[in-house]
Amino acid sequence: MALLDTITTDWRDLLAKQISQAHLDELEHYLITRSKEATIYPPKEAIFQALNLTPFQEVKVVILGQDPYHGPNQSHGLAFSVKEGMTLPPSLRNIFKELHDDLGCSVPDSGDLTAWAKQGVLLLNTVLTVEEKAADSHKKIGWEEVTDTVIDVLNEKTTPVVYMLWGKPAQSKVKRISPHHKILTAPHPSPLSSYRGFFGSQPFSQANRFLLANNQSPIDWCLV
């Protein structure tokens, strides 16, 4: 099955109009070649999971991550999310801490953010694959052009979207985002930078206020 065919929502036709098949073929060839020497995460069928769980027509919020987790059984195609039963990564623990401080939500045991995705939160990484134990290993192999196109397509939405851009890699996309959308920026929630302004940034309550002000239903961010 071709990469684009693993997308099961309206995103497939929208992206097919703007991304050349040759570019996707090059990406797929690279992944097949590298998979003979390294383990790649997430599995092929989950690479576009964010687009499958959050159709274009339902996107209200975009949380932009960097690249997938590179440990076994962690990544399942949603930025910052890990599979049920996995230990919470440090960045996700900090996200949950801010969620508690912002909205009073109990801190969940599970790091699976599927419930957010199903409410219209597009959990998108700027790079969609990674090699085991090698963060950033698939930077500049062609994923950036694909995720740039996702943002370009979202720019066509007349209903404004909230973007949460945490850290410099995510914030590098600012120039692509149409000004009618809401952009919330903060340091990355990693332990190295979370105390420089991620904590106290109140992204979840800010997002809901914007959605309500634009006649959209808010996100139920509490996972417990």
N, C-alpha and C. Protein backbone atom coordinates (compact mmCIF):
# COMPACT_ATOMS: atom_id res chain seq x y z
N MET A 1 0.85 -1.20 0.00
CA MET A 1 0.00 0.00 0.00
C MET A 1 0.88 1.25 0.00
N ALA A 2 0.59 2.17 -0.90
CA ALA A 2 1.36 3.41 -0.98
C ALA A 2 1.10 4.26 0.26
N LEU A 3 2.07 5.11 0.58
CA LEU A 3 1.97 5.94 1.79
C LEU A 3 0.66 6.71 1.85
N LEU A 4 0.31 7.39 0.77
CA LEU A 4 -0.89 8.22 0.77
C LEU A 4 -2.16 7.39 1.00
N ASP A 5 -2.11 6.13 0.58
CA ASP A 5 -3.28 5.27 0.72
C ASP A 5 -3.51 4.82 2.16
N THR A 6 -2.54 5.09 3.05
CA THR A 6 -2.76 4.77 4.47
C THR A 6 -3.60 5.85 5.15
N ILE A 7 -3.87 6.96 4.44
CA ILE A 7 -4.76 8.01 4.96
C ILE A 7 -6.19 7.65 4.58
N THR A 8 -7.06 7.60 5.56
CA THR A 8 -8.42 7.11 5.34
C THR A 8 -9.47 8.22 5.42
N THR A 9 -9.05 9.47 5.59
CA THR A 9 -10.00 10.58 5.75
C THR A 9 -9.91 11.55 4.57
N ASP A 10 -10.61 12.66 4.68
CA ASP A 10 -10.61 13.69 3.63
C ASP A 10 -9.22 14.25 3.36
N TRP A 11 -8.29 14.05 4.28
CA TRP A 11 -6.92 14.54 4.08
C TRP A 11 -6.27 13.92 2.84
N ARG A 12 -6.62 12.67 2.52
CA ARG A 12 -5.93 12.01 1.40
C ARG A 12 -6.09 12.78 0.10
N ASP A 13 -7.33 13.13 -0.25
CA ASP A 13 -7.55 13.86 -1.51
C ASP A 13 -6.97 15.27 -1.45
N LEU A 14 -7.07 15.91 -0.27
CA LEU A 14 -6.56 17.26 -0.12
C LEU A 14 -5.05 17.31 -0.32
N LEU A 15 -4.34 16.32 0.24
CA LEU A 15 -2.88 16.31 0.11
C LEU A 15 -2.44 15.83 -1.26
N ALA A 16 -3.22 14.92 -1.85
CA ALA A 16 -2.86 14.39 -3.17
C ALA A 16 -2.81 15.49 -4.22
N LYS A 17 -3.60 16.54 -4.03
CA LYS A 17 -3.62 17.65 -4.98
C LYS A 17 -2.38 18.52 -4.88
N GLN A 18 -1.69 18.47 -3.73
CA GLN A 18 -0.59 19.41 -3.51
C GLN A 18 0.78 18.78 -3.31
N ILE A 19 0.82 17.48 -3.08
CA ILE A 19 2.11 16.80 -2.89
C ILE A 19 2.34 15.87 -4.07
N SER A 20 3.48 15.99 -4.72
CA SER A 20 3.74 15.16 -5.90
C SER A 20 3.93 13.70 -5.49
N GLN A 21 3.44 12.81 -6.33
CA GLN A 21 3.63 11.37 -6.08
C GLN A 21 5.11 11.02 -6.07
N ALA A 22 5.88 11.73 -6.88
CA ALA A 22 7.33 11.47 -6.92
C ALA A 22 7.98 11.73 -5.56
N HIS A 23 7.54 12.81 -4.90
CA HIS A 23 8.09 13.12 -3.57
C HIS A 23 7.75 12.03 -2.57
N LEU A 24 6.50 11.56 -2.60
CA LEU A 24 6.08 10.50 -1.68
C LEU A 24 6.80 9.19 -2.00
N ASP A 25 7.02 8.92 -3.29
CA ASP A 25 7.75 7.71 -3.68
C ASP A 25 9.18 7.75 -3.16
N GLU A 26 9.81 8.92 -3.22
CA GLU A 26 11.17 9.07 -2.70
C GLU A 26 11.21 8.82 -1.19
N LEU A 27 10.23 9.38 -0.49
CA LEU A 27 10.15 9.17 0.95
C LEU A 27 9.99 7.69 1.27
N GLU A 28 9.07 7.05 0.57
CA GLU A 28 8.81 5.63 0.83
C GLU A 28 10.03 4.77 0.52
N HIS A 29 10.72 5.09 -0.56
CA HIS A 29 11.94 4.35 -0.92
C HIS A 29 12.99 4.50 0.18
N TYR A 30 13.14 5.71 0.70
CA TYR A 30 14.10 5.94 1.78
C TYR A 30 13.74 5.10 3.00
N LEU A 31 12.46 5.08 3.37
CA LEU A 31 12.03 4.33 4.55
C LEU A 31 12.26 2.83 4.37
N ILE A 32 11.95 2.32 3.18
CA ILE A 32 12.16 0.90 2.91
C ILE A 32 13.64 0.55 3.01
N THR A 33 14.48 1.42 2.43
CA THR A 33 15.92 1.17 2.45
C THR A 33 16.47 1.20 3.87
N ARG A 34 16.09 2.23 4.65
CA ARG A 34 16.60 2.36 6.02
C ARG A 34 16.07 1.26 6.93
N SER A 35 14.87 0.76 6.66
CA SER A 35 14.29 -0.27 7.53
C SER A 35 15.05 -1.59 7.47
N LYS A 36 15.92 -1.74 6.46
CA LYS A 36 16.77 -2.94 6.38
C LYS A 36 17.93 -2.86 7.36
N GLU A 37 18.20 -1.65 7.86
CA GLU A 37 19.34 -1.47 8.76
C GLU A 37 18.94 -0.96 10.14
N ALA A 38 17.75 -0.39 10.26
CA ALA A 38 17.33 0.19 11.54
C ALA A 38 15.83 -0.02 11.74
N THR A 39 15.41 0.02 13.00
CA THR A 39 13.98 -0.04 13.31
C THR A 39 13.41 1.36 13.20
N ILE A 40 12.32 1.50 12.48
CA ILE A 40 11.70 2.80 12.27
C ILE A 40 10.37 2.88 12.99
N TYR A 41 10.14 4.01 13.65
CA TYR A 41 8.87 4.25 14.35
C TYR A 41 8.17 5.47 13.76
N PRO A 42 6.84 5.52 13.80
CA PRO A 42 5.92 4.42 14.11
C PRO A 42 5.83 3.47 12.92
N PRO A 43 5.10 2.34 13.04
CA PRO A 43 4.92 1.47 11.88
C PRO A 43 4.19 2.21 10.76
N LYS A 44 4.37 1.74 9.53
CA LYS A 44 3.84 2.44 8.35
C LYS A 44 2.37 2.79 8.48
N GLU A 45 1.56 1.85 9.00
CA GLU A 45 0.12 2.08 9.06
C GLU A 45 -0.26 3.18 10.05
N ALA A 46 0.69 3.59 10.92
CA ALA A 46 0.40 4.63 11.92
C ALA A 46 1.07 5.97 11.60
N ILE A 47 1.84 6.04 10.52
CA ILE A 47 2.56 7.27 10.20
C ILE A 47 1.61 8.46 10.10
N PHE A 48 0.47 8.25 9.47
CA PHE A 48 -0.51 9.32 9.28
C PHE A 48 -1.69 9.22 10.24
N GLN A 49 -1.45 8.61 11.41
CA GLN A 49 -2.55 8.42 12.36
C GLN A 49 -3.20 9.73 12.79
N ALA A 50 -2.41 10.79 12.91
CA ALA A 50 -2.97 12.08 13.31
C ALA A 50 -4.03 12.54 12.30
N LEU A 51 -3.75 12.35 11.01
CA LEU A 51 -4.70 12.75 9.97
C LEU A 51 -5.90 11.81 9.92
N ASN A 52 -5.70 10.56 10.31
CA ASN A 52 -6.82 9.60 10.30
C ASN A 52 -7.78 9.81 11.46
N LEU A 53 -7.26 10.25 12.60
CA LEU A 53 -8.12 10.46 13.76
C LEU A 53 -8.75 11.85 13.78
N THR A 54 -8.15 12.79 13.06
CA THR A 54 -8.65 14.17 13.04
C THR A 54 -8.82 14.62 11.60
N PRO A 55 -9.96 14.35 10.98
CA PRO A 55 -10.19 14.78 9.61
C PRO A 55 -10.07 16.29 9.46
N PHE A 56 -9.74 16.73 8.27
CA PHE A 56 -9.58 18.16 7.98
C PHE A 56 -10.79 18.96 8.45
N GLN A 57 -11.97 18.50 8.14
CA GLN A 57 -13.19 19.25 8.45
C GLN A 57 -13.40 19.41 9.95
N GLU A 58 -12.75 18.58 10.76
CA GLU A 58 -12.98 18.60 12.21
C GLU A 58 -11.87 19.28 13.01
N VAL A 59 -10.81 19.74 12.33
CA VAL A 59 -9.67 20.33 13.05
C VAL A 59 -10.06 21.65 13.71
N LYS A 60 -9.83 21.72 15.02
CA LYS A 60 -10.04 22.96 15.78
C LYS A 60 -8.73 23.49 16.35
N VAL A 61 -7.87 22.56 16.74
CA VAL A 61 -6.60 22.89 17.39
C VAL A 61 -5.50 22.06 16.74
N VAL A 62 -4.32 22.66 16.56
CA VAL A 62 -3.14 21.92 16.10
C VAL A 62 -2.07 22.04 17.18
N ILE A 63 -1.61 20.91 17.70
CA ILE A 63 -0.44 20.89 18.58
C ILE A 63 0.71 20.32 17.76
N LEU A 64 1.75 21.13 17.58
CA LEU A 64 2.84 20.75 16.69
C LEU A 64 4.03 20.26 17.49
N GLY A 65 4.42 19.01 17.24
CA GLY A 65 5.59 18.44 17.88
C GLY A 65 6.77 18.42 16.91
N GLN A 66 7.85 17.76 17.33
CA GLN A 66 9.07 17.73 16.51
C GLN A 66 9.15 16.45 15.70
N ASP A 67 9.44 15.32 16.34
CA ASP A 67 9.42 14.03 15.65
C ASP A 67 8.96 12.96 16.64
N PRO A 68 8.64 11.75 16.17
CA PRO A 68 8.08 10.74 17.08
C PRO A 68 9.07 10.31 18.16
N TYR A 69 8.52 9.75 19.24
CA TYR A 69 9.38 9.12 20.26
C TYR A 69 10.15 7.98 19.61
N HIS A 70 11.39 7.79 20.07
CA HIS A 70 12.26 6.82 19.41
C HIS A 70 12.53 5.57 20.24
N GLY A 71 11.69 5.33 21.27
CA GLY A 71 11.80 4.11 22.06
C GLY A 71 10.80 3.06 21.61
N PRO A 72 11.05 1.79 21.91
CA PRO A 72 10.14 0.72 21.50
C PRO A 72 8.72 0.93 22.04
N ASN A 73 7.74 0.72 21.18
CA ASN A 73 6.31 0.71 21.54
C ASN A 73 5.78 2.05 22.06
N GLN A 74 6.52 3.13 21.87
CA GLN A 74 6.03 4.43 22.34
C GLN A 74 5.17 5.12 21.30
N SER A 75 5.73 5.35 20.13
CA SER A 75 5.07 6.19 19.12
C SER A 75 3.92 5.45 18.44
N HIS A 76 2.80 6.16 18.29
CA HIS A 76 1.68 5.59 17.52
C HIS A 76 1.06 6.64 16.61
N GLY A 77 1.89 7.60 16.18
CA GLY A 77 1.48 8.52 15.14
C GLY A 77 0.84 9.81 15.61
N LEU A 78 0.83 10.06 16.91
CA LEU A 78 0.26 11.29 17.46
C LEU A 78 1.35 12.03 18.24
N ALA A 79 1.56 13.30 17.95
CA ALA A 79 2.60 14.08 18.63
C ALA A 79 2.37 14.07 20.14
N PHE A 80 3.44 13.85 20.89
CA PHE A 80 3.49 13.85 22.36
C PHE A 80 2.77 12.67 22.99
N SER A 81 2.02 11.90 22.24
CA SER A 81 1.22 10.80 22.79
C SER A 81 2.02 9.50 22.78
N VAL A 82 1.76 8.64 23.77
CA VAL A 82 2.34 7.29 23.79
C VAL A 82 1.22 6.27 23.95
N LYS A 83 1.50 5.05 23.54
CA LYS A 83 0.51 3.98 23.63
C LYS A 83 0.11 3.73 25.09
N GLU A 84 -1.11 3.25 25.24
CA GLU A 84 -1.62 2.84 26.56
C GLU A 84 -0.63 1.89 27.22
N GLY A 85 -0.36 2.13 28.51
CA GLY A 85 0.50 1.24 29.28
C GLY A 85 1.97 1.64 29.28
N MET A 86 2.35 2.61 28.44
CA MET A 86 3.75 3.05 28.41
C MET A 86 4.01 4.10 29.48
N THR A 87 5.24 4.13 30.01
CA THR A 87 5.64 5.15 30.96
C THR A 87 5.53 6.53 30.32
N LEU A 88 5.05 7.51 31.09
CA LEU A 88 4.90 8.85 30.54
C LEU A 88 6.28 9.47 30.29
N PRO A 89 6.56 9.92 29.06
CA PRO A 89 7.82 10.64 28.80
C PRO A 89 7.84 11.96 29.56
N PRO A 90 9.03 12.49 29.85
CA PRO A 90 9.13 13.73 30.63
C PRO A 90 8.34 14.90 30.05
N SER A 91 8.38 15.10 28.73
CA SER A 91 7.64 16.23 28.12
C SER A 91 6.14 16.08 28.35
N LEU A 92 5.64 14.86 28.23
CA LEU A 92 4.21 14.63 28.41
C LEU A 92 3.81 14.82 29.88
N ARG A 93 4.68 14.42 30.77
CA ARG A 93 4.41 14.68 32.20
C ARG A 93 4.27 16.17 32.45
N ASN A 94 5.13 16.96 31.81
CA ASN A 94 5.06 18.42 31.98
C ASN A 94 3.81 19.01 31.33
N ILE A 95 3.39 18.46 30.21
CA ILE A 95 2.13 18.88 29.59
C ILE A 95 0.97 18.62 30.53
N PHE A 96 0.96 17.46 31.16
CA PHE A 96 -0.12 17.12 32.09
C PHE A 96 -0.06 18.00 33.34
N LYS A 97 1.15 18.38 33.77
CA LYS A 97 1.27 19.28 34.92
C LYS A 97 0.65 20.64 34.59
N GLU A 98 0.96 21.16 33.40
CA GLU A 98 0.38 22.44 32.99
C GLU A 98 -1.13 22.33 32.81
N LEU A 99 -1.58 21.20 32.31
CA LEU A 99 -3.02 20.96 32.16
C LEU A 99 -3.72 21.00 33.52
N HIS A 100 -3.08 20.40 34.51
CA HIS A 100 -3.63 20.43 35.87
C HIS A 100 -3.65 21.85 36.42
N ASP A 101 -2.54 22.56 36.25
CA ASP A 101 -2.45 23.93 36.79
C ASP A 101 -3.40 24.88 36.05
N ASP A 102 -3.60 24.64 34.77
CA ASP A 102 -4.42 25.52 33.93
C ASP A 102 -5.91 25.27 34.16
N LEU A 103 -6.32 24.00 34.10
CA LEU A 103 -7.75 23.68 34.13
C LEU A 103 -8.18 22.83 35.32
N GLY A 104 -7.20 22.41 36.14
CA GLY A 104 -7.55 21.58 37.29
C GLY A 104 -7.77 20.12 36.95
N CYS A 105 -7.42 19.69 35.74
CA CYS A 105 -7.62 18.29 35.35
C CYS A 105 -6.69 17.38 36.15
N SER A 106 -7.22 16.24 36.57
CA SER A 106 -6.38 15.23 37.22
C SER A 106 -5.33 14.74 36.24
N VAL A 107 -4.15 14.40 36.76
CA VAL A 107 -3.07 13.89 35.91
C VAL A 107 -3.34 12.43 35.60
N PRO A 108 -3.48 12.06 34.32
CA PRO A 108 -3.81 10.67 33.97
C PRO A 108 -2.61 9.74 34.09
N ASP A 109 -2.89 8.47 34.23
CA ASP A 109 -1.83 7.46 34.22
C ASP A 109 -1.42 7.13 32.79
N SER A 110 -2.37 7.23 31.87
CA SER A 110 -2.11 6.89 30.47
C SER A 110 -1.70 8.12 29.69
N GLY A 111 -0.72 7.94 28.79
CA GLY A 111 -0.28 9.03 27.93
C GLY A 111 -0.89 8.98 26.54
N ASP A 112 -1.93 8.20 26.36
CA ASP A 112 -2.61 8.09 25.07
C ASP A 112 -3.54 9.29 24.88
N LEU A 113 -3.25 10.12 23.89
CA LEU A 113 -4.00 11.36 23.66
C LEU A 113 -5.05 11.22 22.56
N THR A 114 -5.44 9.98 22.27
CA THR A 114 -6.44 9.74 21.23
C THR A 114 -7.73 10.52 21.49
N ALA A 115 -8.11 10.65 22.75
CA ALA A 115 -9.35 11.36 23.08
C ALA A 115 -9.30 12.82 22.62
N TRP A 116 -8.13 13.43 22.68
CA TRP A 116 -7.98 14.80 22.16
C TRP A 116 -8.15 14.79 20.64
N ALA A 117 -7.47 13.84 19.98
CA ALA A 117 -7.50 13.78 18.53
C ALA A 117 -8.93 13.63 18.01
N LYS A 118 -9.74 12.85 18.71
CA LYS A 118 -11.11 12.60 18.26
C LYS A 118 -12.03 13.80 18.48
N GLN A 119 -11.55 14.80 19.22
CA GLN A 119 -12.33 16.02 19.43
C GLN A 119 -11.91 17.17 18.50
N GLY A 120 -10.94 16.90 17.63
CA GLY A 120 -10.51 17.95 16.71
C GLY A 120 -9.15 18.53 17.01
N VAL A 121 -8.34 17.85 17.82
CA VAL A 121 -6.98 18.31 18.12
C VAL A 121 -6.01 17.52 17.24
N LEU A 122 -5.45 18.19 16.24
CA LEU A 122 -4.51 17.54 15.33
C LEU A 122 -3.14 17.50 16.00
N LEU A 123 -2.70 16.31 16.37
CA LEU A 123 -1.44 16.11 17.09
C LEU A 123 -0.36 15.75 16.06
N LEU A 124 0.20 16.78 15.46
CA LEU A 124 1.06 16.63 14.29
C LEU A 124 2.53 16.88 14.64
N ASN A 125 3.38 15.94 14.27
CA ASN A 125 4.82 16.18 14.32
C ASN A 125 5.28 16.81 13.01
N THR A 126 6.35 17.61 13.06
CA THR A 126 6.87 18.20 11.83
C THR A 126 7.58 17.15 10.98
N VAL A 127 8.12 16.13 11.63
CA VAL A 127 8.74 14.98 10.96
C VAL A 127 8.00 13.74 11.46
N LEU A 128 7.62 12.85 10.54
CA LEU A 128 6.65 11.81 10.90
C LEU A 128 7.24 10.43 11.17
N THR A 129 8.55 10.26 10.99
CA THR A 129 9.18 8.99 11.34
C THR A 129 10.52 9.25 12.02
N VAL A 130 11.04 8.19 12.66
CA VAL A 130 12.32 8.30 13.37
C VAL A 130 12.91 6.90 13.49
N GLU A 131 14.22 6.83 13.65
CA GLU A 131 14.87 5.54 13.86
C GLU A 131 15.08 5.30 15.35
N GLU A 132 15.02 4.04 15.74
CA GLU A 132 15.12 3.68 17.15
C GLU A 132 16.39 4.27 17.79
N LYS A 133 16.17 4.92 18.94
CA LYS A 133 17.26 5.50 19.75
C LYS A 133 18.05 6.56 18.98
N ALA A 134 17.40 7.23 18.02
CA ALA A 134 18.12 8.25 17.23
C ALA A 134 17.18 9.41 16.93
N ALA A 135 16.97 10.27 17.93
CA ALA A 135 16.10 11.43 17.74
C ALA A 135 16.57 12.27 16.57
N ASP A 136 15.63 12.83 15.83
CA ASP A 136 15.92 13.72 14.69
C ASP A 136 16.58 13.00 13.52
N SER A 137 16.57 11.68 13.52
CA SER A 137 17.29 10.94 12.48
C SER A 137 16.63 11.05 11.11
N HIS A 138 15.34 11.42 11.05
CA HIS A 138 14.68 11.58 9.75
C HIS A 138 14.38 13.04 9.42
N LYS A 139 15.12 13.91 10.08
CA LYS A 139 15.04 15.33 9.74
C LYS A 139 15.59 15.53 8.33
N LYS A 140 14.89 16.34 7.55
CA LYS A 140 15.34 16.73 6.20
C LYS A 140 15.40 15.56 5.22
N ILE A 141 14.53 14.56 5.40
CA ILE A 141 14.43 13.52 4.37
C ILE A 141 13.18 13.75 3.50
N GLY A 142 12.42 14.81 3.84
CA GLY A 142 11.26 15.13 3.02
C GLY A 142 9.95 15.29 3.76
N TRP A 143 9.93 14.93 5.05
CA TRP A 143 8.68 15.06 5.82
C TRP A 143 8.27 16.51 6.03
N GLU A 144 9.26 17.39 6.16
CA GLU A 144 8.94 18.80 6.42
C GLU A 144 8.04 19.38 5.32
N GLU A 145 8.29 18.98 4.07
CA GLU A 145 7.47 19.46 2.96
C GLU A 145 6.03 18.95 3.08
N VAL A 146 5.90 17.72 3.56
CA VAL A 146 4.56 17.15 3.73
C VAL A 146 3.79 17.88 4.82
N THR A 147 4.44 18.12 5.95
CA THR A 147 3.72 18.78 7.05
C THR A 147 3.54 20.28 6.78
N ASP A 148 4.43 20.87 5.99
CA ASP A 148 4.19 22.24 5.53
C ASP A 148 2.89 22.28 4.71
N THR A 149 2.70 21.28 3.88
CA THR A 149 1.50 21.23 3.05
C THR A 149 0.24 21.06 3.89
N VAL A 150 0.33 20.28 4.97
CA VAL A 150 -0.81 20.15 5.89
C VAL A 150 -1.21 21.53 6.41
N ILE A 151 -0.21 22.33 6.80
CA ILE A 151 -0.49 23.69 7.29
C ILE A 151 -1.07 24.56 6.17
N ASP A 152 -0.52 24.43 4.98
CA ASP A 152 -1.03 25.21 3.85
C ASP A 152 -2.50 24.89 3.58
N VAL A 153 -2.85 23.62 3.67
CA VAL A 153 -4.24 23.21 3.45
C VAL A 153 -5.13 23.78 4.56
N LEU A 154 -4.64 23.74 5.81
CA LEU A 154 -5.42 24.27 6.92
C LEU A 154 -5.63 25.78 6.79
N ASN A 155 -4.72 26.46 6.12
CA ASN A 155 -4.88 27.90 5.90
C ASN A 155 -6.15 28.22 5.12
N GLU A 156 -6.64 27.24 4.37
CA GLU A 156 -7.84 27.44 3.57
C GLU A 156 -9.12 27.35 4.40
N LYS A 157 -9.01 26.87 5.63
CA LYS A 157 -10.20 26.79 6.48
C LYS A 157 -10.68 28.20 6.84
N THR A 158 -11.93 28.46 6.60
CA THR A 158 -12.47 29.77 6.97
C THR A 158 -12.70 29.87 8.47
N THR A 159 -13.02 28.73 9.09
CA THR A 159 -13.16 28.70 10.55
C THR A 159 -11.77 28.70 11.17
N PRO A 160 -11.44 29.66 12.03
CA PRO A 160 -10.07 29.74 12.54
C PRO A 160 -9.68 28.56 13.43
N VAL A 161 -8.41 28.25 13.37
CA VAL A 161 -7.82 27.13 14.11
C VAL A 161 -6.85 27.68 15.14
N VAL A 162 -6.73 27.01 16.28
CA VAL A 162 -5.75 27.38 17.30
C VAL A 162 -4.49 26.54 17.09
N TYR A 163 -3.35 27.20 16.98
CA TYR A 163 -2.05 26.51 16.88
C TYR A 163 -1.31 26.64 18.19
N MET A 164 -0.86 25.53 18.75
CA MET A 164 0.03 25.53 19.91
C MET A 164 1.42 25.16 19.41
N LEU A 165 2.32 26.12 19.42
CA LEU A 165 3.67 25.93 18.92
C LEU A 165 4.64 25.98 20.09
N TRP A 166 5.14 24.82 20.46
CA TRP A 166 5.99 24.70 21.64
C TRP A 166 7.42 24.40 21.21
N GLY A 167 8.32 25.34 21.46
CA GLY A 167 9.72 25.15 21.09
C GLY A 167 10.03 25.70 19.71
N LYS A 168 11.32 25.88 19.43
CA LYS A 168 11.75 26.54 18.19
C LYS A 168 11.41 25.77 16.92
N PRO A 169 11.56 24.44 16.87
CA PRO A 169 11.19 23.75 15.63
C PRO A 169 9.72 23.98 15.24
N ALA A 170 8.83 23.93 16.22
CA ALA A 170 7.41 24.18 15.92
C ALA A 170 7.19 25.63 15.54
N GLN A 171 7.87 26.54 16.23
CA GLN A 171 7.66 27.96 15.97
C GLN A 171 8.25 28.40 14.63
N SER A 172 9.12 27.57 14.05
CA SER A 172 9.65 27.90 12.72
C SER A 172 8.56 27.85 11.65
N LYS A 173 7.41 27.26 11.99
CA LYS A 173 6.29 27.18 11.04
C LYS A 173 5.40 28.42 11.06
N VAL A 174 5.67 29.35 11.97
CA VAL A 174 4.79 30.52 12.13
C VAL A 174 4.55 31.24 10.80
N LYS A 175 5.60 31.38 10.04
CA LYS A 175 5.50 32.16 8.79
C LYS A 175 4.55 31.51 7.78
N ARG A 176 4.24 30.24 7.95
CA ARG A 176 3.34 29.54 7.02
C ARG A 176 1.87 29.68 7.43
N ILE A 177 1.62 30.12 8.66
CA ILE A 177 0.26 30.08 9.20
C ILE A 177 -0.47 31.38 8.89
N SER A 178 -1.65 31.27 8.33
CA SER A 178 -2.46 32.44 7.98
C SER A 178 -2.82 33.23 9.24
N PRO A 179 -2.80 34.56 9.18
CA PRO A 179 -3.02 35.37 10.38
C PRO A 179 -4.43 35.30 10.96
N HIS A 180 -5.39 34.69 10.23
CA HIS A 180 -6.73 34.60 10.82
C HIS A 180 -6.84 33.47 11.83
N HIS A 181 -5.78 32.66 11.93
CA HIS A 181 -5.75 31.62 12.96
C HIS A 181 -5.15 32.18 14.25
N LYS A 182 -5.35 31.47 15.34
CA LYS A 182 -4.81 31.87 16.65
C LYS A 182 -3.51 31.11 16.91
N ILE A 183 -2.44 31.81 17.20
CA ILE A 183 -1.15 31.18 17.44
C ILE A 183 -0.74 31.39 18.90
N LEU A 184 -0.52 30.28 19.60
CA LEU A 184 -0.04 30.31 20.99
C LEU A 184 1.36 29.72 21.01
N THR A 185 2.34 30.50 21.41
CA THR A 185 3.71 30.01 21.45
C THR A 185 4.20 29.92 22.90
N ALA A 186 5.09 28.97 23.14
CA ALA A 186 5.70 28.77 24.46
C ALA A 186 6.95 27.94 24.28
N PRO A 187 7.85 27.94 25.27
CA PRO A 187 8.98 27.02 25.21
C PRO A 187 8.50 25.57 25.15
N HIS A 188 9.37 24.69 24.69
CA HIS A 188 9.04 23.26 24.62
C HIS A 188 8.81 22.71 26.03
N PRO A 189 7.89 21.76 26.18
CA PRO A 189 7.63 21.22 27.53
C PRO A 189 8.67 20.24 28.05
N SER A 190 9.79 20.11 27.40
CA SER A 190 10.84 19.21 27.89
C SER A 190 11.41 19.74 29.20
N PRO A 191 12.00 18.85 30.02
CA PRO A 191 12.58 19.30 31.29
C PRO A 191 13.62 20.41 31.13
N LEU A 192 14.27 20.48 29.97
CA LEU A 192 15.31 21.49 29.75
C LEU A 192 14.75 22.90 29.60
N SER A 193 13.51 23.01 29.12
CA SER A 193 13.01 24.34 28.81
C SER A 193 11.65 24.67 29.42
N SER A 194 11.00 23.71 30.06
CA SER A 194 9.63 23.92 30.53
C SER A 194 9.53 25.06 31.55
N TYR A 195 10.60 25.27 32.33
CA TYR A 195 10.55 26.31 33.37
C TYR A 195 10.85 27.70 32.82
N ARG A 196 11.10 27.80 31.52
CA ARG A 196 11.39 29.10 30.91
C ARG A 196 10.14 29.76 30.35
N GLY A 197 8.98 29.23 30.69
CA GLY A 197 7.75 29.87 30.22
C GLY A 197 6.67 28.93 29.73
N PHE A 198 6.98 27.62 29.64
CA PHE A 198 5.89 26.69 29.29
C PHE A 198 4.92 26.60 30.46
N PHE A 199 5.48 26.39 31.66
CA PHE A 199 4.62 26.38 32.85
C PHE A 199 4.04 27.78 33.07
N GLY A 200 2.73 27.82 33.20
CA GLY A 200 2.05 29.10 33.38
C GLY A 200 1.55 29.72 32.09
N SER A 201 1.78 29.05 30.95
CA SER A 201 1.37 29.62 29.66
C SER A 201 -0.13 29.44 29.39
N GLN A 202 -0.78 28.53 30.12
CA GLN A 202 -2.23 28.33 30.05
C GLN A 202 -2.75 28.12 28.62
N PRO A 203 -2.14 27.22 27.87
CA PRO A 203 -2.57 27.04 26.48
C PRO A 203 -3.97 26.45 26.34
N PHE A 204 -4.35 25.60 27.28
CA PHE A 204 -5.62 24.89 27.14
C PHE A 204 -6.82 25.80 27.37
N SER A 205 -6.73 26.62 28.41
CA SER A 205 -7.83 27.57 28.66
C SER A 205 -7.86 28.66 27.59
N GLN A 206 -6.68 29.09 27.12
CA GLN A 206 -6.64 30.09 26.05
C GLN A 206 -7.29 29.56 24.76
N ALA A 207 -6.99 28.30 24.45
CA ALA A 207 -7.57 27.69 23.25
C ALA A 207 -9.09 27.64 23.35
N ASN A 208 -9.59 27.21 24.50
CA ASN A 208 -11.04 27.09 24.65
C ASN A 208 -11.74 28.45 24.61
N ARG A 209 -11.11 29.46 25.19
CA ARG A 209 -11.71 30.81 25.11
C ARG A 209 -11.81 31.27 23.66
N PHE A 210 -10.76 30.99 22.87
CA PHE A 210 -10.78 31.40 21.47
C PHE A 210 -11.85 30.63 20.69
N LEU A 211 -11.94 29.33 20.94
CA LEU A 211 -12.95 28.53 20.24
C LEU A 211 -14.36 29.03 20.55
N LEU A 212 -14.62 29.30 21.81
CA LEU A 212 -15.95 29.79 22.21
C LEU A 212 -16.23 31.16 21.57
N ALA A 213 -15.22 32.00 21.53
CA ALA A 213 -15.40 33.34 20.95
C ALA A 213 -15.66 33.27 19.44
N ASN A 214 -15.31 32.13 18.83
CA ASN A 214 -15.52 31.96 17.39
C ASN A 214 -16.59 30.91 17.10
N ASN A 215 -17.53 30.78 18.06
CA ASN A 215 -18.72 29.94 17.88
C ASN A 215 -18.39 28.47 17.61
N GLN A 216 -17.32 27.99 18.28
CA GLN A 216 -16.97 26.57 18.21
C GLN A 216 -17.04 25.97 19.61
N SER A 217 -17.35 24.70 19.67
CA SER A 217 -17.40 24.04 20.98
C SER A 217 -15.98 23.85 21.51
N PRO A 218 -15.80 24.00 22.83
CA PRO A 218 -14.46 23.86 23.42
C PRO A 218 -14.01 22.39 23.46
N ILE A 219 -12.74 22.19 23.68
CA ILE A 219 -12.18 20.85 23.85
C ILE A 219 -12.31 20.43 25.32
N ASP A 220 -12.74 19.20 25.55
CA ASP A 220 -12.69 18.64 26.90
C ASP A 220 -11.28 18.06 27.06
N TRP A 221 -10.39 18.87 27.64
CA TRP A 221 -8.99 18.47 27.74
C TRP A 221 -8.73 17.41 28.81
N CYS A 222 -9.62 17.31 29.78
CA CYS A 222 -9.38 16.38 30.90
C CYS A 222 -9.50 14.93 30.41
N LEU A 223 -8.49 14.16 30.64
CA LEU A 223 -8.43 12.78 30.15
C LEU A 223 -8.88 11.77 31.20
N VAL A 224 -9.06 12.21 32.42
CA VAL A 224 -9.48 11.29 33.49
C VAL A 224 -10.94 11.59 33.80
